[in-house]
């Protein structure tokens, strides 16, 4: 359902989105507790408290909804609708496709504007191949973070599990940075996000391997690249889907990147072409769609087996 309809724009305009609610609460807590005059140890402790408060409020609200939706077909339908807001298949696909469309129709400047909507790196430092690689890398990483991980925790712990995952992931994206402002305060959010993404990142790589077989890409290349390169990534999780995507498509992703004026060194994922293009983005989107479908089918099989 989420792949088909996404999160309707009129609903967003009317009430916002669960992630924006989580972000607003976190921003208020960060303004209240993260004072640069405090010691690093004190800020780390307050960061732990902030994460605990965010998870407590989110988990309580999700558990209340789960109980309210636990009766009958109407309740099941409402639970499904609530769960769709915690996945991002449709929006991720549309944002990445917009980068390919911009490069094809309006050139590099438009591609830079489109990719700036989904990555944090400096778009002005990217050539056309760099824009394409950035879009593909974002697609791979967010396949894990925005789809497989909330789906995994939804399967494990229902609506509260998925909501708690999204709260943690939102905290990591907002305060889990290694900057002077957030290195101490965001420590707990960043570390906890790393831990809860461990199973999903490995599953995401697995689904991309299966998807590569479906679309006629290179599942063997994906497996070899994951085995060789995934653990070399500076993130304990992002390397798995990025390496799988790179190996399946015959590309060379990651490597040194520029965020603002700062160059962040990282290992390369894959040993294929660096000269990616809009056509490669579209190939990556085909692989993404196939990986999503394989994940649905596997989950369906598990449910059918579980229920006998």
C-alpha atoms as a PDB file:
ATOM      1  CA  UNK A   1       0.000   0.000   0.000  1.00  0.00           C
ATOM      2  CA  UNK A   2       2.770   2.439   0.866  1.00  0.00           C
ATOM      3  CA  UNK A   3       4.539   1.730  -2.430  1.00  0.00           C
ATOM      4  CA  UNK A   4       1.316   2.444  -4.289  1.00  0.00           C
ATOM      5  CA  UNK A   5       0.131   5.625  -2.573  1.00  0.00           C
ATOM      6  CA  UNK A   6       2.996   6.876  -0.412  1.00  0.00           C
ATOM      7  CA  UNK A   7       2.080   9.469   2.208  1.00  0.00           C
ATOM      8  CA  UNK A   8      -0.661  11.646   0.679  1.00  0.00           C
ATOM      9  CA  UNK A   9       0.275  15.305   0.269  1.00  0.00           C
ATOM     10  CA  UNK A  10      -3.092  16.523   1.573  1.00  0.00           C
ATOM     11  CA  UNK A  11      -2.587  14.536   4.790  1.00  0.00           C
ATOM     12  CA  UNK A  12       0.882  16.048   5.207  1.00  0.00           C
ATOM     13  CA  UNK A  13      -0.510  19.556   4.714  1.00  0.00           C
ATOM     14  CA  UNK A  14      -3.289  18.905   7.209  1.00  0.00           C
ATOM     15  CA  UNK A  15      -1.478  17.164  10.069  1.00  0.00           C
ATOM     16  CA  UNK A  16       2.190  16.802   9.112  1.00  0.00           C
ATOM     17  CA  UNK A  17       3.974  13.463   9.328  1.00  0.00           C
ATOM     18  CA  UNK A  18       5.055  11.270  12.269  1.00  0.00           C
ATOM     19  CA  UNK A  19       8.702  11.987  11.489  1.00  0.00           C
ATOM     20  CA  UNK A  20       8.076  15.748  11.594  1.00  0.00           C
ATOM     21  CA  UNK A  21       6.380  15.321  14.968  1.00  0.00           C
ATOM     22  CA  UNK A  22       9.352  13.352  16.256  1.00  0.00           C
ATOM     23  CA  UNK A  23      11.714  15.967  14.821  1.00  0.00           C
ATOM     24  CA  UNK A  24       9.840  18.825  16.472  1.00  0.00           C
ATOM     25  CA  UNK A  25      10.001  17.119  19.877  1.00  0.00           C
ATOM     26  CA  UNK A  26      13.685  16.345  19.443  1.00  0.00           C
ATOM     27  CA  UNK A  27      14.472  19.921  18.364  1.00  0.00           C
ATOM     28  CA  UNK A  28      12.753  21.255  21.487  1.00  0.00           C
ATOM     29  CA  UNK A  29      14.682  18.854  23.720  1.00  0.00           C
ATOM     30  CA  UNK A  30      17.953  19.708  21.982  1.00  0.00           C
ATOM     31  CA  UNK A  31      17.413  23.446  22.530  1.00  0.00           C
ATOM     32  CA  UNK A  32      16.631  22.784  26.177  1.00  0.00           C
ATOM     33  CA  UNK A  33      19.550  20.488  27.018  1.00  0.00           C
ATOM     34  CA  UNK A  34      22.411  20.925  24.531  1.00  0.00           C
ATOM     35  CA  UNK A  35      24.313  23.930  25.860  1.00  0.00           C
ATOM     36  CA  UNK A  36      27.842  24.393  24.542  1.00  0.00           C
ATOM     37  CA  UNK A  37      28.981  25.769  27.896  1.00  0.00           C
ATOM     38  CA  UNK A  38      28.555  22.346  29.513  1.00  0.00           C
ATOM     39  CA  UNK A  39      31.291  19.732  29.642  1.00  0.00           C
ATOM     40  CA  UNK A  40      31.387  16.952  27.057  1.00  0.00           C
ATOM     41  CA  UNK A  41      30.517  14.354  29.689  1.00  0.00           C
ATOM     42  CA  UNK A  42      27.494  16.307  30.869  1.00  0.00           C
ATOM     43  CA  UNK A  43      26.292  16.854  27.313  1.00  0.00           C
ATOM     44  CA  UNK A  44      26.660  13.136  26.561  1.00  0.00           C
ATOM     45  CA  UNK A  45      24.545  12.308  29.617  1.00  0.00           C
ATOM     46  CA  UNK A  46      21.904  14.830  28.592  1.00  0.00           C
ATOM     47  CA  UNK A  47      21.953  13.336  25.096  1.00  0.00           C
ATOM     48  CA  UNK A  48      21.152   9.932  26.594  1.00  0.00           C
ATOM     49  CA  UNK A  49      18.282  11.520  28.534  1.00  0.00           C
ATOM     50  CA  UNK A  50      17.008  13.262  25.383  1.00  0.00           C
ATOM     51  CA  UNK A  51      16.976  10.013  23.420  1.00  0.00           C
ATOM     52  CA  UNK A  52      15.207   8.235  26.290  1.00  0.00           C
ATOM     53  CA  UNK A  53      12.521  10.933  26.448  1.00  0.00           C
ATOM     54  CA  UNK A  54      12.008  10.842  22.681  1.00  0.00           C
ATOM     55  CA  UNK A  55      11.685   7.053  22.682  1.00  0.00           C
ATOM     56  CA  UNK A  56       9.429   7.087  25.738  1.00  0.00           C
ATOM     57  CA  UNK A  57       6.952   9.540  24.209  1.00  0.00           C
ATOM     58  CA  UNK A  58       7.041   7.833  20.795  1.00  0.00           C
ATOM     59  CA  UNK A  59       6.709   4.325  22.181  1.00  0.00           C
ATOM     60  CA  UNK A  60       3.833   5.273  24.479  1.00  0.00           C
ATOM     61  CA  UNK A  61       1.906   6.960  21.664  1.00  0.00           C
ATOM     62  CA  UNK A  62       2.477   4.047  19.277  1.00  0.00           C
ATOM     63  CA  UNK A  63       1.484   1.483  21.907  1.00  0.00           C
ATOM     64  CA  UNK A  64      -1.728   3.406  22.600  1.00  0.00           C
ATOM     65  CA  UNK A  65      -2.558   3.430  18.876  1.00  0.00           C
ATOM     66  CA  UNK A  66      -1.729  -0.259  18.629  1.00  0.00           C
ATOM     67  CA  UNK A  67      -4.174  -1.051  21.427  1.00  0.00           C
ATOM     68  CA  UNK A  68      -6.841   1.194  19.897  1.00  0.00           C
ATOM     69  CA  UNK A  69      -6.457  -0.544  16.524  1.00  0.00           C
ATOM     70  CA  UNK A  70      -6.473  -4.106  17.878  1.00  0.00           C
ATOM     71  CA  UNK A  71     -10.129  -4.922  17.231  1.00  0.00           C
ATOM     72  CA  UNK A  72     -11.803  -6.002  14.016  1.00  0.00           C
ATOM     73  CA  UNK A  73     -11.221  -5.275  10.354  1.00  0.00           C
ATOM     74  CA  UNK A  74     -11.530  -1.511  10.769  1.00  0.00           C
ATOM     75  CA  UNK A  75      -8.852  -1.557  13.428  1.00  0.00           C
ATOM     76  CA  UNK A  76      -6.615  -3.660  11.217  1.00  0.00           C
ATOM     77  CA  UNK A  77      -7.116  -1.212   8.350  1.00  0.00           C
ATOM     78  CA  UNK A  78      -6.245   1.761  10.553  1.00  0.00           C
ATOM     79  CA  UNK A  79      -3.164  -0.074  11.825  1.00  0.00           C
ATOM     80  CA  UNK A  80      -2.051  -0.706   8.243  1.00  0.00           C
ATOM     81  CA  UNK A  81      -2.526   2.966   7.358  1.00  0.00           C
ATOM     82  CA  UNK A  82      -0.530   4.029  10.400  1.00  0.00           C
ATOM     83  CA  UNK A  83       2.259   1.612   9.489  1.00  0.00           C
ATOM     84  CA  UNK A  84       2.503   2.970   5.928  1.00  0.00           C
ATOM     85  CA  UNK A  85       3.574   6.351   7.329  1.00  0.00           C
ATOM     86  CA  UNK A  86       6.721   4.744   8.750  1.00  0.00           C
ATOM     87  CA  UNK A  87       8.004   3.397   5.405  1.00  0.00           C
ATOM     88  CA  UNK A  88       9.453   5.416   2.526  1.00  0.00           C
ATOM     89  CA  UNK A  89       9.387   3.297  -0.630  1.00  0.00           C
ATOM     90  CA  UNK A  90       7.331   5.728  -2.714  1.00  0.00           C
ATOM     91  CA  UNK A  91       8.994   8.958  -1.611  1.00  0.00           C
ATOM     92  CA  UNK A  92      12.513   7.533  -1.934  1.00  0.00           C
ATOM     93  CA  UNK A  93      11.791   6.225  -5.429  1.00  0.00           C
ATOM     94  CA  UNK A  94      10.286   9.545  -6.529  1.00  0.00           C
ATOM     95  CA  UNK A  95      13.127  11.663  -5.132  1.00  0.00           C
ATOM     96  CA  UNK A  96      15.812   9.539  -6.780  1.00  0.00           C
ATOM     97  CA  UNK A  97      13.939   9.384 -10.074  1.00  0.00           C
ATOM     98  CA  UNK A  98      13.727  13.188  -9.995  1.00  0.00           C
ATOM     99  CA  UNK A  99      17.541  13.317 -10.104  1.00  0.00           C
ATOM    100  CA  UNK A 100      17.649  11.163 -13.246  1.00  0.00           C
ATOM    101  CA  UNK A 101      14.884  13.229 -14.852  1.00  0.00           C
ATOM    102  CA  UNK A 102      16.673  16.478 -14.029  1.00  0.00           C
ATOM    103  CA  UNK A 103      19.973  15.274 -15.516  1.00  0.00           C
ATOM    104  CA  UNK A 104      18.267  14.018 -18.666  1.00  0.00           C
ATOM    105  CA  UNK A 105      16.052  17.033 -19.275  1.00  0.00           C
ATOM    106  CA  UNK A 106      17.883  20.055 -17.849  1.00  0.00           C
ATOM    107  CA  UNK A 107      21.514  19.083 -17.297  1.00  0.00           C
ATOM    108  CA  UNK A 108      24.003  19.279 -14.476  1.00  0.00           C
ATOM    109  CA  UNK A 109      22.682  22.351 -12.621  1.00  0.00           C
ATOM    110  CA  UNK A 110      19.205  20.817 -12.344  1.00  0.00           C
ATOM    111  CA  UNK A 111      20.698  17.489 -11.306  1.00  0.00           C
ATOM    112  CA  UNK A 112      22.636  19.191  -8.524  1.00  0.00           C
ATOM    113  CA  UNK A 113      19.463  20.860  -7.236  1.00  0.00           C
ATOM    114  CA  UNK A 114      17.562  17.585  -7.292  1.00  0.00           C
ATOM    115  CA  UNK A 115      20.260  15.564  -5.552  1.00  0.00           C
ATOM    116  CA  UNK A 116      20.651  18.230  -2.845  1.00  0.00           C
ATOM    117  CA  UNK A 117      17.174  17.183  -1.655  1.00  0.00           C
ATOM    118  CA  UNK A 118      18.389  13.709  -0.678  1.00  0.00           C
ATOM    119  CA  UNK A 119      22.090  14.002   0.245  1.00  0.00           C
ATOM    120  CA  UNK A 120      24.045  16.180   2.641  1.00  0.00           C
ATOM    121  CA  UNK A 121      27.184  16.561   0.531  1.00  0.00           C
ATOM    122  CA  UNK A 122      28.080  19.771  -1.297  1.00  0.00           C
ATOM    123  CA  UNK A 123      26.316  19.535  -4.693  1.00  0.00           C
ATOM    124  CA  UNK A 124      28.447  22.299  -6.211  1.00  0.00           C
ATOM    125  CA  UNK A 125      31.461  19.997  -5.994  1.00  0.00           C
ATOM    126  CA  UNK A 126      29.758  17.223  -7.993  1.00  0.00           C
ATOM    127  CA  UNK A 127      30.077  16.641 -11.721  1.00  0.00           C
ATOM    128  CA  UNK A 128      27.392  14.701 -13.596  1.00  0.00           C
ATOM    129  CA  UNK A 129      28.871  11.334 -12.618  1.00  0.00           C
ATOM    130  CA  UNK A 130      29.161  12.512  -9.009  1.00  0.00           C
ATOM    131  CA  UNK A 131      25.494  13.540  -8.966  1.00  0.00           C
ATOM    132  CA  UNK A 132      24.476  10.130 -10.327  1.00  0.00           C
ATOM    133  CA  UNK A 133      26.652   8.257  -7.816  1.00  0.00           C
ATOM    134  CA  UNK A 134      25.285  10.353  -4.941  1.00  0.00           C
ATOM    135  CA  UNK A 135      21.711   9.510  -5.949  1.00  0.00           C
ATOM    136  CA  UNK A 136      22.496   5.793  -6.241  1.00  0.00           C
ATOM    137  CA  UNK A 137      24.343   5.734  -2.905  1.00  0.00           C
ATOM    138  CA  UNK A 138      21.419   7.504  -1.216  1.00  0.00           C
ATOM    139  CA  UNK A 139      19.002   5.006  -2.779  1.00  0.00           C
ATOM    140  CA  UNK A 140      21.038   2.073  -1.454  1.00  0.00           C
ATOM    141  CA  UNK A 141      21.500   3.436   2.070  1.00  0.00           C
ATOM    142  CA  UNK A 142      17.895   4.595   2.415  1.00  0.00           C
ATOM    143  CA  UNK A 143      16.597   1.281   1.126  1.00  0.00           C
ATOM    144  CA  UNK A 144      18.047  -0.101   4.343  1.00  0.00           C
ATOM    145  CA  UNK A 145      17.238   2.798   6.689  1.00  0.00           C
ATOM    146  CA  UNK A 146      13.888   3.857   5.278  1.00  0.00           C
ATOM    147  CA  UNK A 147      12.327   0.579   4.170  1.00  0.00           C
ATOM    148  CA  UNK A 148      13.964  -2.637   5.346  1.00  0.00           C
ATOM    149  CA  UNK A 149      14.705  -1.448   8.887  1.00  0.00           C
ATOM    150  CA  UNK A 150      11.244  -0.079   9.773  1.00  0.00           C
ATOM    151  CA  UNK A 151       9.725  -3.114   8.050  1.00  0.00           C
ATOM    152  CA  UNK A 152      11.947  -5.437  10.083  1.00  0.00           C
ATOM    153  CA  UNK A 153      11.051  -3.795  13.387  1.00  0.00           C
ATOM    154  CA  UNK A 154       7.386  -3.693  12.386  1.00  0.00           C
ATOM    155  CA  UNK A 155       7.555  -7.470  11.884  1.00  0.00           C
ATOM    156  CA  UNK A 156       9.384  -7.985  15.181  1.00  0.00           C
ATOM    157  CA  UNK A 157       7.451  -5.638  17.473  1.00  0.00           C
ATOM    158  CA  UNK A 158       4.457  -4.264  15.601  1.00  0.00           C
ATOM    159  CA  UNK A 159       3.613  -0.592  15.265  1.00  0.00           C
ATOM    160  CA  UNK A 160       5.560   0.396  18.433  1.00  0.00           C
ATOM    161  CA  UNK A 161       8.694  -1.308  17.094  1.00  0.00           C
ATOM    162  CA  UNK A 162       8.567   0.549  13.788  1.00  0.00           C
ATOM    163  CA  UNK A 163       7.793   3.867  15.503  1.00  0.00           C
ATOM    164  CA  UNK A 164      10.686   3.468  17.945  1.00  0.00           C
ATOM    165  CA  UNK A 165      12.997   2.686  15.048  1.00  0.00           C
ATOM    166  CA  UNK A 166      11.899   5.817  13.162  1.00  0.00           C
ATOM    167  CA  UNK A 167      12.406   7.943  16.267  1.00  0.00           C
ATOM    168  CA  UNK A 168      15.942   6.624  16.679  1.00  0.00           C
ATOM    169  CA  UNK A 169      16.737   7.105  13.000  1.00  0.00           C
ATOM    170  CA  UNK A 170      15.349  10.646  13.109  1.00  0.00           C
ATOM    171  CA  UNK A 171      17.503  11.419  16.132  1.00  0.00           C
ATOM    172  CA  UNK A 172      20.582  10.084  14.369  1.00  0.00           C
ATOM    173  CA  UNK A 173      19.897  12.197  11.278  1.00  0.00           C
ATOM    174  CA  UNK A 174      19.372  15.357  13.348  1.00  0.00           C
ATOM    175  CA  UNK A 175      21.948  15.123  16.123  1.00  0.00           C
ATOM    176  CA  UNK A 176      24.134  12.089  15.376  1.00  0.00           C
ATOM    177  CA  UNK A 177      26.853  14.126  13.678  1.00  0.00           C
ATOM    178  CA  UNK A 178      30.545  14.294  14.520  1.00  0.00           C
ATOM    179  CA  UNK A 179      30.569  18.078  14.833  1.00  0.00           C
ATOM    180  CA  UNK A 180      31.531  20.238  17.794  1.00  0.00           C
ATOM    181  CA  UNK A 181      27.856  20.817  18.595  1.00  0.00           C
ATOM    182  CA  UNK A 182      26.672  17.210  18.391  1.00  0.00           C
ATOM    183  CA  UNK A 183      29.662  14.888  18.911  1.00  0.00           C
ATOM    184  CA  UNK A 184      28.899  14.493  22.633  1.00  0.00           C
ATOM    185  CA  UNK A 185      25.175  15.270  22.745  1.00  0.00           C
ATOM    186  CA  UNK A 186      24.330  13.026  19.789  1.00  0.00           C
ATOM    187  CA  UNK A 187      26.595  10.148  20.834  1.00  0.00           C
ATOM    188  CA  UNK A 188      23.778   7.984  22.193  1.00  0.00           C
ATOM    189  CA  UNK A 189      21.552   8.545  19.166  1.00  0.00           C
ATOM    190  CA  UNK A 190      24.335   7.664  16.729  1.00  0.00           C
ATOM    191  CA  UNK A 191      25.463   4.543  18.595  1.00  0.00           C
ATOM    192  CA  UNK A 192      21.944   3.232  19.202  1.00  0.00           C
ATOM    193  CA  UNK A 193      21.045   3.812  15.556  1.00  0.00           C
ATOM    194  CA  UNK A 194      24.104   1.781  14.529  1.00  0.00           C
ATOM    195  CA  UNK A 195      23.018  -1.119  16.727  1.00  0.00           C
ATOM    196  CA  UNK A 196      19.376  -1.318  15.653  1.00  0.00           C
ATOM    197  CA  UNK A 197      20.300  -1.040  11.958  1.00  0.00           C
ATOM    198  CA  UNK A 198      22.657  -4.033  12.051  1.00  0.00           C
ATOM    199  CA  UNK A 199      20.090  -6.700  11.057  1.00  0.00           C
ATOM    200  CA  UNK A 200      18.352  -4.530   8.457  1.00  0.00           C
ATOM    201  CA  UNK A 201      21.524  -3.520   6.642  1.00  0.00           C
ATOM    202  CA  UNK A 202      22.457  -7.173   6.142  1.00  0.00           C
ATOM    203  CA  UNK A 203      18.917  -7.994   5.029  1.00  0.00           C
ATOM    204  CA  UNK A 204      18.963  -5.040   2.625  1.00  0.00           C
ATOM    205  CA  UNK A 205      22.109  -6.408   0.968  1.00  0.00           C
ATOM    206  CA  UNK A 206      20.439  -9.822   0.715  1.00  0.00           C
ATOM    207  CA  UNK A 207      17.335  -8.358  -0.931  1.00  0.00           C
ATOM    208  CA  UNK A 208      19.499  -6.414  -3.395  1.00  0.00           C
ATOM    209  CA  UNK A 209      21.293  -9.628  -4.337  1.00  0.00           C
ATOM    210  CA  UNK A 210      17.927 -11.295  -4.972  1.00  0.00           C
ATOM    211  CA  UNK A 211      16.727  -8.242  -6.878  1.00  0.00           C
ATOM    212  CA  UNK A 212      19.837  -8.333  -9.057  1.00  0.00           C
ATOM    213  CA  UNK A 213      18.963 -11.886 -10.075  1.00  0.00           C
ATOM    214  CA  UNK A 214      15.420 -10.819 -10.934  1.00  0.00           C
ATOM    215  CA  UNK A 215      16.400  -7.936 -13.257  1.00  0.00           C
ATOM    216  CA  UNK A 216      19.366  -9.644 -14.889  1.00  0.00           C
ATOM    217  CA  UNK A 217      22.059  -7.617 -13.119  1.00  0.00           C
ATOM    218  CA  UNK A 218      24.953  -9.326 -11.330  1.00  0.00           C
ATOM    219  CA  UNK A 219      23.994 -11.104  -8.096  1.00  0.00           C
ATOM    220  CA  UNK A 220      27.443 -12.721  -8.028  1.00  0.00           C
ATOM    221  CA  UNK A 221      29.105  -9.320  -8.315  1.00  0.00           C
ATOM    222  CA  UNK A 222      26.900  -8.048  -5.492  1.00  0.00           C
ATOM    223  CA  UNK A 223      27.876 -10.942  -3.213  1.00  0.00           C
ATOM    224  CA  UNK A 224      31.591 -10.580  -3.986  1.00  0.00           C
ATOM    225  CA  UNK A 225      31.555  -6.827  -3.403  1.00  0.00           C
ATOM    226  CA  UNK A 226      29.683  -7.129  -0.119  1.00  0.00           C
ATOM    227  CA  UNK A 227      32.111  -9.801   1.085  1.00  0.00           C
ATOM    228  CA  UNK A 228      35.149  -7.719   0.168  1.00  0.00           C
ATOM    229  CA  UNK A 229      34.098  -4.099   0.749  1.00  0.00           C
ATOM    230  CA  UNK A 230      31.124  -3.754   3.130  1.00  0.00           C
ATOM    231  CA  UNK A 231      33.189  -3.884   6.321  1.00  0.00           C
ATOM    232  CA  UNK A 232      35.603  -1.235   5.004  1.00  0.00           C
ATOM    233  CA  UNK A 233      32.918   1.482   4.934  1.00  0.00           C
ATOM    234  CA  UNK A 234      33.171   4.103   7.688  1.00  0.00           C
ATOM    235  CA  UNK A 235      29.600   3.213   8.685  1.00  0.00           C
ATOM    236  CA  UNK A 236      29.042  -0.245  10.193  1.00  0.00           C
ATOM    237  CA  UNK A 237      25.805  -0.520   8.203  1.00  0.00           C
ATOM    238  CA  UNK A 238      25.761   1.682   5.090  1.00  0.00           C
ATOM    239  CA  UNK A 239      28.495  -0.331   3.389  1.00  0.00           C
ATOM    240  CA  UNK A 240      26.288  -3.418   3.066  1.00  0.00           C
ATOM    241  CA  UNK A 241      23.570  -2.042   0.750  1.00  0.00           C
ATOM    242  CA  UNK A 242      26.014   0.296  -1.011  1.00  0.00           C
ATOM    243  CA  UNK A 243      28.410  -2.549  -1.761  1.00  0.00           C
ATOM    244  CA  UNK A 244      25.553  -4.756  -2.952  1.00  0.00           C
ATOM    245  CA  UNK A 245      24.265  -1.997  -5.239  1.00  0.00           C
ATOM    246  CA  UNK A 246      27.750  -1.288  -6.603  1.00  0.00           C
ATOM    247  CA  UNK A 247      28.528  -4.936  -7.319  1.00  0.00           C
ATOM    248  CA  UNK A 248      25.146  -5.633  -8.894  1.00  0.00           C
ATOM    249  CA  UNK A 249      25.408  -2.659 -11.289  1.00  0.00           C
ATOM    250  CA  UNK A 250      29.150  -2.814 -12.001  1.00  0.00           C
ATOM    251  CA  UNK A 251      29.836   0.573 -10.396  1.00  0.00           C
ATOM    252  CA  UNK A 252      32.375   1.985  -7.964  1.00  0.00           C
ATOM    253  CA  UNK A 253      30.529   3.906  -5.258  1.00  0.00           C
ATOM    254  CA  UNK A 254      31.411   5.781  -2.059  1.00  0.00           C
ATOM    255  CA  UNK A 255      35.033   6.882  -1.645  1.00  0.00           C
ATOM    256  CA  UNK A 256      36.031  10.430  -0.572  1.00  0.00           C
ATOM    257  CA  UNK A 257      33.128  12.898  -0.469  1.00  0.00           C
ATOM    258  CA  UNK A 258      32.748  16.602   0.305  1.00  0.00           C
ATOM    259  CA  UNK A 259      30.251  17.808   2.932  1.00  0.00           C
ATOM    260  CA  UNK A 260      30.186  21.592   2.993  1.00  0.00           C
ATOM    261  CA  UNK A 261      33.870  22.460   2.762  1.00  0.00           C
ATOM    262  CA  UNK A 262      35.044  19.301   4.534  1.00  0.00           C
ATOM    263  CA  UNK A 263      36.296  16.242   2.670  1.00  0.00           C
ATOM    264  CA  UNK A 264      35.344  12.963   4.340  1.00  0.00           C
ATOM    265  CA  UNK A 265      37.571  10.051   3.419  1.00  0.00           C
ATOM    266  CA  UNK A 266      35.944   6.668   2.929  1.00  0.00           C
ATOM    267  CA  UNK A 267      36.635   3.362   1.238  1.00  0.00           C
ATOM    268  CA  UNK A 268      35.349   2.593  -2.236  1.00  0.00           C
ATOM    269  CA  UNK A 269      32.508   0.126  -2.660  1.00  0.00           C
ATOM    270  CA  UNK A 270      32.991  -1.946  -5.819  1.00  0.00           C
ATOM    271  CA  UNK A 271      35.619  -1.930  -8.545  1.00  0.00           C
ATOM    272  CA  UNK A 272      33.507  -1.005 -11.568  1.00  0.00           C
ATOM    273  CA  UNK A 273      32.876   2.276 -13.367  1.00  0.00           C
ATOM    274  CA  UNK A 274      33.049   5.663 -11.635  1.00  0.00           C
ATOM    275  CA  UNK A 275      31.395   7.347 -14.633  1.00  0.00           C
ATOM    276  CA  UNK A 276      27.780   6.858 -13.610  1.00  0.00           C
ATOM    277  CA  UNK A 277      24.924   8.527 -15.475  1.00  0.00           C
ATOM    278  CA  UNK A 278      21.171   9.096 -15.377  1.00  0.00           C
ATOM    279  CA  UNK A 279      20.792   5.722 -17.087  1.00  0.00           C
ATOM    280  CA  UNK A 280      22.596   4.094 -14.149  1.00  0.00           C
ATOM    281  CA  UNK A 281      20.210   5.806 -11.730  1.00  0.00           C
ATOM    282  CA  UNK A 282      17.312   4.246 -13.620  1.00  0.00           C
ATOM    283  CA  UNK A 283      19.013   0.838 -13.474  1.00  0.00           C
ATOM    284  CA  UNK A 284      19.437   1.304  -9.737  1.00  0.00           C
ATOM    285  CA  UNK A 285      15.731   2.145  -9.431  1.00  0.00           C
ATOM    286  CA  UNK A 286      14.841  -1.077 -11.273  1.00  0.00           C
ATOM    287  CA  UNK A 287      17.012  -2.978  -8.801  1.00  0.00           C
ATOM    288  CA  UNK A 288      15.386  -1.109  -5.910  1.00  0.00           C
ATOM    289  CA  UNK A 289      11.887  -2.040  -7.099  1.00  0.00           C
ATOM    290  CA  UNK A 290      12.872  -5.677  -7.512  1.00  0.00           C
ATOM    291  CA  UNK A 291      14.441  -5.740  -4.039  1.00  0.00           C
ATOM    292  CA  UNK A 292      11.290  -4.251  -2.524  1.00  0.00           C
ATOM    293  CA  UNK A 293       9.129  -6.906  -4.183  1.00  0.00           C
ATOM    294  CA  UNK A 294      11.391  -9.749  -3.041  1.00  0.00           C
ATOM    295  CA  UNK A 295      11.194  -8.412   0.519  1.00  0.00           C
ATOM    296  CA  UNK A 296       7.381  -8.377   0.340  1.00  0.00           C
ATOM    297  CA  UNK A 297       7.269 -11.948  -0.960  1.00  0.00           C
ATOM    298  CA  UNK A 298       9.675 -13.221   1.677  1.00  0.00           C
ATOM    299  CA  UNK A 299       7.685 -11.554   4.446  1.00  0.00           C
ATOM    300  CA  UNK A 300       4.458 -12.996   3.045  1.00  0.00           C
ATOM    301  CA  UNK A 301       6.002 -16.481   3.005  1.00  0.00           C
ATOM    302  CA  UNK A 302       7.129 -16.095   6.626  1.00  0.00           C
ATOM    303  CA  UNK A 303       3.649 -14.989   7.691  1.00  0.00           C
ATOM    304  CA  UNK A 304       1.985 -17.902   5.894  1.00  0.00           C
ATOM    305  CA  UNK A 305       4.403 -20.415   7.413  1.00  0.00           C
ATOM    306  CA  UNK A 306       4.071 -18.840  10.875  1.00  0.00           C
ATOM    307  CA  UNK A 307       0.280 -19.053  10.774  1.00  0.00           C
ATOM    308  CA  UNK A 308       0.343 -22.628   9.524  1.00  0.00           C
END
